[in-house]
Amino acid sequence: RSAPSATILAGVTVGEKAIVGAGSVVTKDVPPGTIV
């Protein structure tokens, strides 16, 4: 899941059951089952 206003940069993989917090800028892979 990705919360509102997140930005996911090129080359990034968001893992299984991960959650991206509101307003986040995702610059690296998100491990499965984590909240970033």
Full PDB file with SEQRES, HELIX, SHEET, SSBOND, CRYST1, ORIGX, SCALE, CONECT and MASTER records, all heavy atoms in Angstrom:
SEQRES   1 A   36  ARG SER ALA PRO SER ALA THR ILE LEU ALA GLY VAL THR          
SEQRES   2 A   36  VAL GLY GLU LYS ALA ILE VAL GLY ALA GLY SER VAL VAL          
SEQRES   3 A   36  THR LYS ASP VAL PRO PRO GLY THR ILE VAL                      
SHEET    1 AA1 2 THR A   7  ILE A   8  0                                        
SHEET    2 AA1 2 VAL A  25  VAL A  26  1                                        
CRYST1    1.000    1.000    1.000  90.00  90.00  90.00 P 1           1          
ORIGX1      1.000000  0.000000  0.000000        0.00000                         
ORIGX2      0.000000  1.000000  0.000000        0.00000                         
ORIGX3      0.000000  0.000000  1.000000        0.00000                         
SCALE1      1.000000  0.000000  0.000000        0.00000                         
SCALE2      0.000000  1.000000  0.000000        0.00000                         
SCALE3      0.000000  0.000000  1.000000        0.00000                         
ATOM      1  N   ARG A   1       0.842  -1.187   0.000  1.00  0.00           N  
ATOM      2  CA  ARG A   1       0.000   0.000   0.000  1.00  0.00           C  
ATOM      3  C   ARG A   1       0.878   1.238   0.000  1.00  0.00           C  
ATOM      4  O   ARG A   1       1.914   1.266   0.655  1.00  0.00           O  
ATOM      5  CB  ARG A   1      -0.890   0.017   1.240  1.00  0.00           C  
ATOM      6  CG  ARG A   1      -1.871  -1.130   1.253  1.00  0.00           C  
ATOM      7  CD  ARG A   1      -2.702  -1.085   2.488  1.00  0.00           C  
ATOM      8  NE  ARG A   1      -1.847  -1.368   3.634  1.00  0.00           N  
ATOM      9  CZ  ARG A   1      -2.291  -1.833   4.780  1.00  0.00           C  
ATOM     10  NH1 ARG A   1      -3.559  -2.041   4.965  1.00  0.00           N  
ATOM     11  NH2 ARG A   1      -1.475  -2.068   5.767  1.00  0.00           N  
ATOM     12  N   SER A   2       0.429   2.230  -0.719  1.00  0.00           N  
ATOM     13  CA  SER A   2       1.119   3.502  -0.725  1.00  0.00           C  
ATOM     14  C   SER A   2       0.142   4.567  -0.269  1.00  0.00           C  
ATOM     15  O   SER A   2      -0.946   4.705  -0.827  1.00  0.00           O  
ATOM     16  CB  SER A   2       1.621   3.818  -2.138  1.00  0.00           C  
ATOM     17  OG  SER A   2       2.292   5.043  -2.130  1.00  0.00           O  
ATOM     18  N   ALA A   3       0.530   5.310   0.757  1.00  0.00           N  
ATOM     19  CA  ALA A   3      -0.327   6.346   1.325  1.00  0.00           C  
ATOM     20  C   ALA A   3      -0.280   7.608   0.453  1.00  0.00           C  
ATOM     21  O   ALA A   3       0.550   7.717  -0.439  1.00  0.00           O  
ATOM     22  CB  ALA A   3       0.118   6.642   2.745  1.00  0.00           C  
ATOM     23  N   PRO A   4      -1.158   8.574   0.734  1.00  0.00           N  
ATOM     24  CA  PRO A   4      -1.242   9.778  -0.091  1.00  0.00           C  
ATOM     25  C   PRO A   4       0.069  10.531  -0.240  1.00  0.00           C  
ATOM     26  O   PRO A   4       0.886  10.580   0.676  1.00  0.00           O  
ATOM     27  CB  PRO A   4      -2.261  10.638   0.662  1.00  0.00           C  
ATOM     28  CG  PRO A   4      -3.083   9.674   1.433  1.00  0.00           C  
ATOM     29  CD  PRO A   4      -2.134   8.561   1.804  1.00  0.00           C  
ATOM     30  N   SER A   5       0.225  11.102  -1.430  1.00  0.00           N  
ATOM     31  CA  SER A   5       1.317  12.020  -1.767  1.00  0.00           C  
ATOM     32  C   SER A   5       2.708  11.409  -1.694  1.00  0.00           C  
ATOM     33  O   SER A   5       3.693  12.125  -1.553  1.00  0.00           O  
ATOM     34  CB  SER A   5       1.247  13.286  -0.901  1.00  0.00           C  
ATOM     35  OG  SER A   5       0.034  13.961  -1.163  1.00  0.00           O  
ATOM     36  N   ALA A   6       2.815  10.109  -1.822  1.00  0.00           N  
ATOM     37  CA  ALA A   6       4.137   9.473  -1.887  1.00  0.00           C  
ATOM     38  C   ALA A   6       4.693   9.631  -3.291  1.00  0.00           C  
ATOM     39  O   ALA A   6       3.949   9.734  -4.265  1.00  0.00           O  
ATOM     40  CB  ALA A   6       4.042   7.993  -1.530  1.00  0.00           C  
ATOM     41  N   THR A   7       6.022   9.660  -3.375  1.00  0.00           N  
ATOM     42  CA  THR A   7       6.720   9.676  -4.658  1.00  0.00           C  
ATOM     43  C   THR A   7       7.630   8.462  -4.695  1.00  0.00           C  
ATOM     44  O   THR A   7       8.427   8.260  -3.771  1.00  0.00           O  
ATOM     45  CB  THR A   7       7.550  10.967  -4.816  1.00  0.00           C  
ATOM     46  OG1 THR A   7       6.662  12.091  -4.747  1.00  0.00           O  
ATOM     47  CG2 THR A   7       8.293  10.982  -6.131  1.00  0.00           C  
ATOM     48  N   ILE A   8       7.487   7.661  -5.749  1.00  0.00           N  
ATOM     49  CA  ILE A   8       8.278   6.443  -5.901  1.00  0.00           C  
ATOM     50  C   ILE A   8       9.251   6.689  -7.050  1.00  0.00           C  
ATOM     51  O   ILE A   8       8.826   6.861  -8.204  1.00  0.00           O  
ATOM     52  CB  ILE A   8       7.381   5.222  -6.233  1.00  0.00           C  
ATOM     53  CG1 ILE A   8       6.125   5.169  -5.355  1.00  0.00           C  
ATOM     54  CG2 ILE A   8       8.197   3.937  -6.190  1.00  0.00           C  
ATOM     55  CD1 ILE A   8       6.344   4.960  -3.895  1.00  0.00           C  
ATOM     56  N   LEU A   9      10.558   6.716  -6.758  1.00  0.00           N  
ATOM     57  CA  LEU A   9      11.550   7.019  -7.778  1.00  0.00           C  
ATOM     58  C   LEU A   9      11.845   5.814  -8.662  1.00  0.00           C  
ATOM     59  O   LEU A   9      11.498   4.671  -8.336  1.00  0.00           O  
ATOM     60  CB  LEU A   9      12.838   7.525  -7.127  1.00  0.00           C  
ATOM     61  CG  LEU A   9      12.704   8.844  -6.356  1.00  0.00           C  
ATOM     62  CD1 LEU A   9      14.067   9.318  -5.877  1.00  0.00           C  
ATOM     63  CD2 LEU A   9      12.050   9.928  -7.193  1.00  0.00           C  
ATOM     64  N   ALA A  10      12.502   6.076  -9.769  1.00  0.00           N  
ATOM     65  CA  ALA A  10      12.829   5.049 -10.759  1.00  0.00           C  
ATOM     66  C   ALA A  10      13.657   3.924 -10.160  1.00  0.00           C  
ATOM     67  O   ALA A  10      14.507   4.147  -9.300  1.00  0.00           O  
ATOM     68  CB  ALA A  10      13.595   5.682 -11.921  1.00  0.00           C  
ATOM     69  N   GLY A  11      13.385   2.717 -10.616  1.00  0.00           N  
ATOM     70  CA  GLY A  11      14.166   1.550 -10.226  1.00  0.00           C  
ATOM     71  C   GLY A  11      13.806   0.953  -8.888  1.00  0.00           C  
ATOM     72  O   GLY A  11      14.442   0.010  -8.443  1.00  0.00           O  
ATOM     73  N   VAL A  12      12.795   1.469  -8.216  1.00  0.00           N  
ATOM     74  CA  VAL A  12      12.442   1.022  -6.872  1.00  0.00           C  
ATOM     75  C   VAL A  12      11.411  -0.100  -6.940  1.00  0.00           C  
ATOM     76  O   VAL A  12      10.480  -0.055  -7.736  1.00  0.00           O  
ATOM     77  CB  VAL A  12      11.882   2.203  -6.040  1.00  0.00           C  
ATOM     78  CG1 VAL A  12      11.260   1.729  -4.743  1.00  0.00           C  
ATOM     79  CG2 VAL A  12      12.978   3.213  -5.773  1.00  0.00           C  
ATOM     80  N   THR A  13      11.574  -1.103  -6.087  1.00  0.00           N  
ATOM     81  CA  THR A  13      10.589  -2.162  -5.917  1.00  0.00           C  
ATOM     82  C   THR A  13      10.017  -2.065  -4.511  1.00  0.00           C  
ATOM     83  O   THR A  13      10.767  -2.005  -3.544  1.00  0.00           O  
ATOM     84  CB  THR A  13      11.228  -3.556  -6.111  1.00  0.00           C  
ATOM     85  OG1 THR A  13      11.730  -3.647  -7.438  1.00  0.00           O  
ATOM     86  CG2 THR A  13      10.222  -4.667  -5.875  1.00  0.00           C  
ATOM     87  N   VAL A  14       8.689  -2.030  -4.419  1.00  0.00           N  
ATOM     88  CA  VAL A  14       8.017  -2.038  -3.120  1.00  0.00           C  
ATOM     89  C   VAL A  14       7.594  -3.475  -2.873  1.00  0.00           C  
ATOM     90  O   VAL A  14       6.826  -4.046  -3.631  1.00  0.00           O  
ATOM     91  CB  VAL A  14       6.805  -1.085  -3.108  1.00  0.00           C  
ATOM     92  CG1 VAL A  14       6.079  -1.161  -1.771  1.00  0.00           C  
ATOM     93  CG2 VAL A  14       7.255   0.344  -3.403  1.00  0.00           C  
ATOM     94  N   GLY A  15       8.108  -4.076  -1.793  1.00  0.00           N  
ATOM     95  CA  GLY A  15       7.915  -5.493  -1.523  1.00  0.00           C  
ATOM     96  C   GLY A  15       6.527  -5.875  -1.065  1.00  0.00           C  
ATOM     97  O   GLY A  15       5.697  -5.033  -0.704  1.00  0.00           O  
ATOM     98  N   GLU A  16       6.313  -7.180  -1.050  1.00  0.00           N  
ATOM     99  CA  GLU A  16       5.036  -7.761  -0.656  1.00  0.00           C  
ATOM    100  C   GLU A  16       4.638  -7.302   0.743  1.00  0.00           C  
ATOM    101  O   GLU A  16       5.443  -7.286   1.670  1.00  0.00           O  
ATOM    102  CB  GLU A  16       5.170  -9.284  -0.680  1.00  0.00           C  
ATOM    103  CG  GLU A  16       3.908 -10.024  -0.388  1.00  0.00           C  
ATOM    104  CD  GLU A  16       4.091 -11.526  -0.550  1.00  0.00           C  
ATOM    105  OE1 GLU A  16       5.100 -11.973  -1.107  1.00  0.00           O  
ATOM    106  OE2 GLU A  16       3.194 -12.243  -0.081  1.00  0.00           O  
ATOM    107  N   LYS A  17       3.381  -6.880   0.878  1.00  0.00           N  
ATOM    108  CA  LYS A  17       2.781  -6.449   2.144  1.00  0.00           C  
ATOM    109  C   LYS A  17       3.469  -5.251   2.791  1.00  0.00           C  
ATOM    110  O   LYS A  17       3.315  -5.005   3.978  1.00  0.00           O  
ATOM    111  CB  LYS A  17       2.698  -7.611   3.132  1.00  0.00           C  
ATOM    112  CG  LYS A  17       1.825  -8.740   2.636  1.00  0.00           C  
ATOM    113  CD  LYS A  17       1.735  -9.866   3.641  1.00  0.00           C  
ATOM    114  CE  LYS A  17       0.873 -10.990   3.094  1.00  0.00           C  
ATOM    115  NZ  LYS A  17       0.829 -12.130   3.990  1.00  0.00           N  
ATOM    116  N   ALA A  18       4.240  -4.486   2.015  1.00  0.00           N  
ATOM    117  CA  ALA A  18       4.882  -3.282   2.539  1.00  0.00           C  
ATOM    118  C   ALA A  18       3.893  -2.122   2.533  1.00  0.00           C  
ATOM    119  O   ALA A  18       2.905  -2.137   1.796  1.00  0.00           O  
ATOM    120  CB  ALA A  18       6.101  -2.922   1.706  1.00  0.00           C  
ATOM    121  N   ILE A  19       4.170  -1.112   3.361  1.00  0.00           N  
ATOM    122  CA  ILE A  19       3.358   0.094   3.409  1.00  0.00           C  
ATOM    123  C   ILE A  19       4.290   1.291   3.294  1.00  0.00           C  
ATOM    124  O   ILE A  19       5.279   1.398   4.024  1.00  0.00           O  
ATOM    125  CB  ILE A  19       2.555   0.182   4.729  1.00  0.00           C  
ATOM    126  CG1 ILE A  19       1.588  -0.997   4.846  1.00  0.00           C  
ATOM    127  CG2 ILE A  19       1.812   1.517   4.805  1.00  0.00           C  
ATOM    128  CD1 ILE A  19       0.871  -1.069   6.185  1.00  0.00           C  
ATOM    129  N   VAL A  20       3.942   2.201   2.368  1.00  0.00           N  
ATOM    130  CA  VAL A  20       4.690   3.440   2.186  1.00  0.00           C  
ATOM    131  C   VAL A  20       3.878   4.554   2.824  1.00  0.00           C  
ATOM    132  O   VAL A  20       2.708   4.751   2.474  1.00  0.00           O  
ATOM    133  CB  VAL A  20       4.928   3.730   0.692  1.00  0.00           C  
ATOM    134  CG1 VAL A  20       5.601   5.082   0.507  1.00  0.00           C  
ATOM    135  CG2 VAL A  20       5.760   2.616   0.051  1.00  0.00           C  
ATOM    136  N   GLY A  21       4.472   5.282   3.768  1.00  0.00           N  
ATOM    137  CA  GLY A  21       3.779   6.328   4.507  1.00  0.00           C  
ATOM    138  C   GLY A  21       3.486   7.567   3.683  1.00  0.00           C  
ATOM    139  O   GLY A  21       4.140   7.836   2.670  1.00  0.00           O  
ATOM    140  N   ALA A  22       2.528   8.340   4.139  1.00  0.00           N  
ATOM    141  CA  ALA A  22       2.094   9.559   3.462  1.00  0.00           C  
ATOM    142  C   ALA A  22       3.259  10.525   3.281  1.00  0.00           C  
ATOM    143  O   ALA A  22       4.050  10.738   4.196  1.00  0.00           O  
ATOM    144  CB  ALA A  22       0.981  10.231   4.256  1.00  0.00           C  
ATOM    145  N   GLY A  23       3.365  11.096   2.085  1.00  0.00           N  
ATOM    146  CA  GLY A  23       4.371  12.104   1.797  1.00  0.00           C  
ATOM    147  C   GLY A  23       5.782  11.571   1.647  1.00  0.00           C  
ATOM    148  O   GLY A  23       6.722  12.356   1.488  1.00  0.00           O  
ATOM    149  N   SER A  24       5.964  10.285   1.650  1.00  0.00           N  
ATOM    150  CA  SER A  24       7.307   9.700   1.567  1.00  0.00           C  
ATOM    151  C   SER A  24       7.894   9.842   0.175  1.00  0.00           C  
ATOM    152  O   SER A  24       7.174   9.844  -0.825  1.00  0.00           O  
ATOM    153  CB  SER A  24       7.262   8.216   1.927  1.00  0.00           C  
ATOM    154  OG  SER A  24       6.844   8.053   3.258  1.00  0.00           O  
ATOM    155  N   VAL A  25       9.212   9.933   0.120  1.00  0.00           N  
ATOM    156  CA  VAL A  25       9.947   9.891  -1.139  1.00  0.00           C  
ATOM    157  C   VAL A  25      10.774   8.611  -1.093  1.00  0.00           C  
ATOM    158  O   VAL A  25      11.725   8.499  -0.325  1.00  0.00           O  
ATOM    159  CB  VAL A  25      10.841  11.126  -1.324  1.00  0.00           C  
ATOM    160  CG1 VAL A  25      11.646  11.016  -2.615  1.00  0.00           C  
ATOM    161  CG2 VAL A  25       9.997  12.398  -1.325  1.00  0.00           C  
ATOM    162  N   VAL A  26      10.369   7.639  -1.901  1.00  0.00           N  
ATOM    163  CA  VAL A  26      10.979   6.309  -1.867  1.00  0.00           C  
ATOM    164  C   VAL A  26      12.119   6.271  -2.872  1.00  0.00           C  
ATOM    165  O   VAL A  26      11.893   6.312  -4.084  1.00  0.00           O  
ATOM    166  CB  VAL A  26       9.940   5.214  -2.141  1.00  0.00           C  
ATOM    167  CG1 VAL A  26      10.569   3.833  -2.050  1.00  0.00           C  
ATOM    168  CG2 VAL A  26       8.774   5.340  -1.170  1.00  0.00           C  
ATOM    169  N   THR A  27      13.352   6.207  -2.364  1.00  0.00           N  
ATOM    170  CA  THR A  27      14.546   6.243  -3.211  1.00  0.00           C  
ATOM    171  C   THR A  27      15.229   4.889  -3.317  1.00  0.00           C  
ATOM    172  O   THR A  27      16.122   4.722  -4.140  1.00  0.00           O  
ATOM    173  CB  THR A  27      15.561   7.262  -2.661  1.00  0.00           C  
ATOM    174  OG1 THR A  27      15.939   6.864  -1.340  1.00  0.00           O  
ATOM    175  CG2 THR A  27      14.961   8.669  -2.623  1.00  0.00           C  
ATOM    176  N   LYS A  28      14.852   3.946  -2.449  1.00  0.00           N  
ATOM    177  CA  LYS A  28      15.459   2.613  -2.423  1.00  0.00           C  
ATOM    178  C   LYS A  28      14.357   1.571  -2.315  1.00  0.00           C  
ATOM    179  O   LYS A  28      13.248   1.866  -1.889  1.00  0.00           O  
ATOM    180  CB  LYS A  28      16.388   2.464  -1.217  1.00  0.00           C  
ATOM    181  CG  LYS A  28      17.565   3.404  -1.222  1.00  0.00           C  
ATOM    182  CD  LYS A  28      18.395   3.214   0.022  1.00  0.00           C  
ATOM    183  CE  LYS A  28      19.533   4.218   0.030  1.00  0.00           C  
ATOM    184  NZ  LYS A  28      20.273   4.181   1.279  1.00  0.00           N  
ATOM    185  N   ASP A  29      14.700   0.327  -2.649  1.00  0.00           N  
ATOM    186  CA  ASP A  29      13.741  -0.762  -2.521  1.00  0.00           C  
ATOM    187  C   ASP A  29      13.171  -0.823  -1.106  1.00  0.00           C  
ATOM    188  O   ASP A  29      13.882  -0.564  -0.129  1.00  0.00           O  
ATOM    189  CB  ASP A  29      14.398  -2.105  -2.841  1.00  0.00           C  
ATOM    190  CG  ASP A  29      14.706  -2.262  -4.322  1.00  0.00           C  
ATOM    191  OD1 ASP A  29      14.282  -1.417  -5.137  1.00  0.00           O  
ATOM    192  OD2 ASP A  29      15.395  -3.240  -4.664  1.00  0.00           O  
ATOM    193  N   VAL A  30      11.905  -1.179  -1.022  1.00  0.00           N  
ATOM    194  CA  VAL A  30      11.226  -1.337   0.261  1.00  0.00           C  
ATOM    195  C   VAL A  30      11.113  -2.831   0.533  1.00  0.00           C  
ATOM    196  O   VAL A  30      10.485  -3.552  -0.235  1.00  0.00           O  
ATOM    197  CB  VAL A  30       9.824  -0.691   0.240  1.00  0.00           C  
ATOM    198  CG1 VAL A  30       9.104  -0.919   1.556  1.00  0.00           C  
ATOM    199  CG2 VAL A  30       9.931   0.799  -0.074  1.00  0.00           C  
ATOM    200  N   PRO A  31      11.720  -3.321   1.619  1.00  0.00           N  
ATOM    201  CA  PRO A  31      11.661  -4.756   1.904  1.00  0.00           C  
ATOM    202  C   PRO A  31      10.233  -5.228   2.155  1.00  0.00           C  
ATOM    203  O   PRO A  31       9.394  -4.467   2.646  1.00  0.00           O  
ATOM    204  CB  PRO A  31      12.490  -4.902   3.186  1.00  0.00           C  
ATOM    205  CG  PRO A  31      13.325  -3.670   3.271  1.00  0.00           C  
ATOM    206  CD  PRO A  31      12.517  -2.593   2.607  1.00  0.00           C  
ATOM    207  N   PRO A  32       9.950  -6.476   1.829  1.00  0.00           N  
ATOM    208  CA  PRO A  32       8.617  -7.029   2.101  1.00  0.00           C  
ATOM    209  C   PRO A  32       8.271  -6.891   3.586  1.00  0.00           C  
ATOM    210  O   PRO A  32       9.136  -6.993   4.454  1.00  0.00           O  
ATOM    211  CB  PRO A  32       8.743  -8.499   1.715  1.00  0.00           C  
ATOM    212  CG  PRO A  32       9.888  -8.545   0.758  1.00  0.00           C  
ATOM    213  CD  PRO A  32      10.827  -7.464   1.203  1.00  0.00           C  
ATOM    214  N   GLY A  33       6.996  -6.642   3.866  1.00  0.00           N  
ATOM    215  CA  GLY A  33       6.513  -6.638   5.241  1.00  0.00           C  
ATOM    216  C   GLY A  33       7.071  -5.538   6.113  1.00  0.00           C  
ATOM    217  O   GLY A  33       7.223  -5.720   7.313  1.00  0.00           O  
ATOM    218  N   THR A  34       7.368  -4.378   5.522  1.00  0.00           N  
ATOM    219  CA  THR A  34       7.877  -3.269   6.326  1.00  0.00           C  
ATOM    220  C   THR A  34       7.032  -2.020   6.089  1.00  0.00           C  
ATOM    221  O   THR A  34       6.336  -1.898   5.090  1.00  0.00           O  
ATOM    222  CB  THR A  34       9.346  -2.921   5.983  1.00  0.00           C  
ATOM    223  OG1 THR A  34       9.428  -2.577   4.601  1.00  0.00           O  
ATOM    224  CG2 THR A  34      10.270  -4.060   6.293  1.00  0.00           C  
ATOM    225  N   ILE A  35       7.135  -1.096   7.032  1.00  0.00           N  
ATOM    226  CA  ILE A  35       6.532   0.221   6.881  1.00  0.00           C  
ATOM    227  C   ILE A  35       7.678   1.206   6.717  1.00  0.00           C  
ATOM    228  O   ILE A  35       8.614   1.215   7.533  1.00  0.00           O  
ATOM    229  CB  ILE A  35       5.699   0.602   8.118  1.00  0.00           C  
ATOM    230  CG1 ILE A  35       4.547  -0.378   8.301  1.00  0.00           C  
ATOM    231  CG2 ILE A  35       5.174   2.034   7.990  1.00  0.00           C  
ATOM    232  CD1 ILE A  35       3.787  -0.184   9.605  1.00  0.00           C  
ATOM    233  N   VAL A  36       7.615   2.014   5.646  1.00  0.00           N  
ATOM    234  CA  VAL A  36       8.620   3.044   5.419  1.00  0.00           C  
ATOM    235  C   VAL A  36       7.941   4.398   5.390  1.00  0.00           C  
ATOM    236  O   VAL A  36       6.770   4.519   5.003  1.00  0.00           O  
ATOM    237  CB  VAL A  36       9.422   2.812   4.115  1.00  0.00           C  
ATOM    238  CG1 VAL A  36      10.159   1.484   4.155  1.00  0.00           C  
ATOM    239  CG2 VAL A  36       8.545   2.908   2.895  1.00  0.00           C  
TER     240      VAL A  36                                                      
MASTER        0    0    0    0    2    0    0    6  239    1    0    3          
END                                                                             
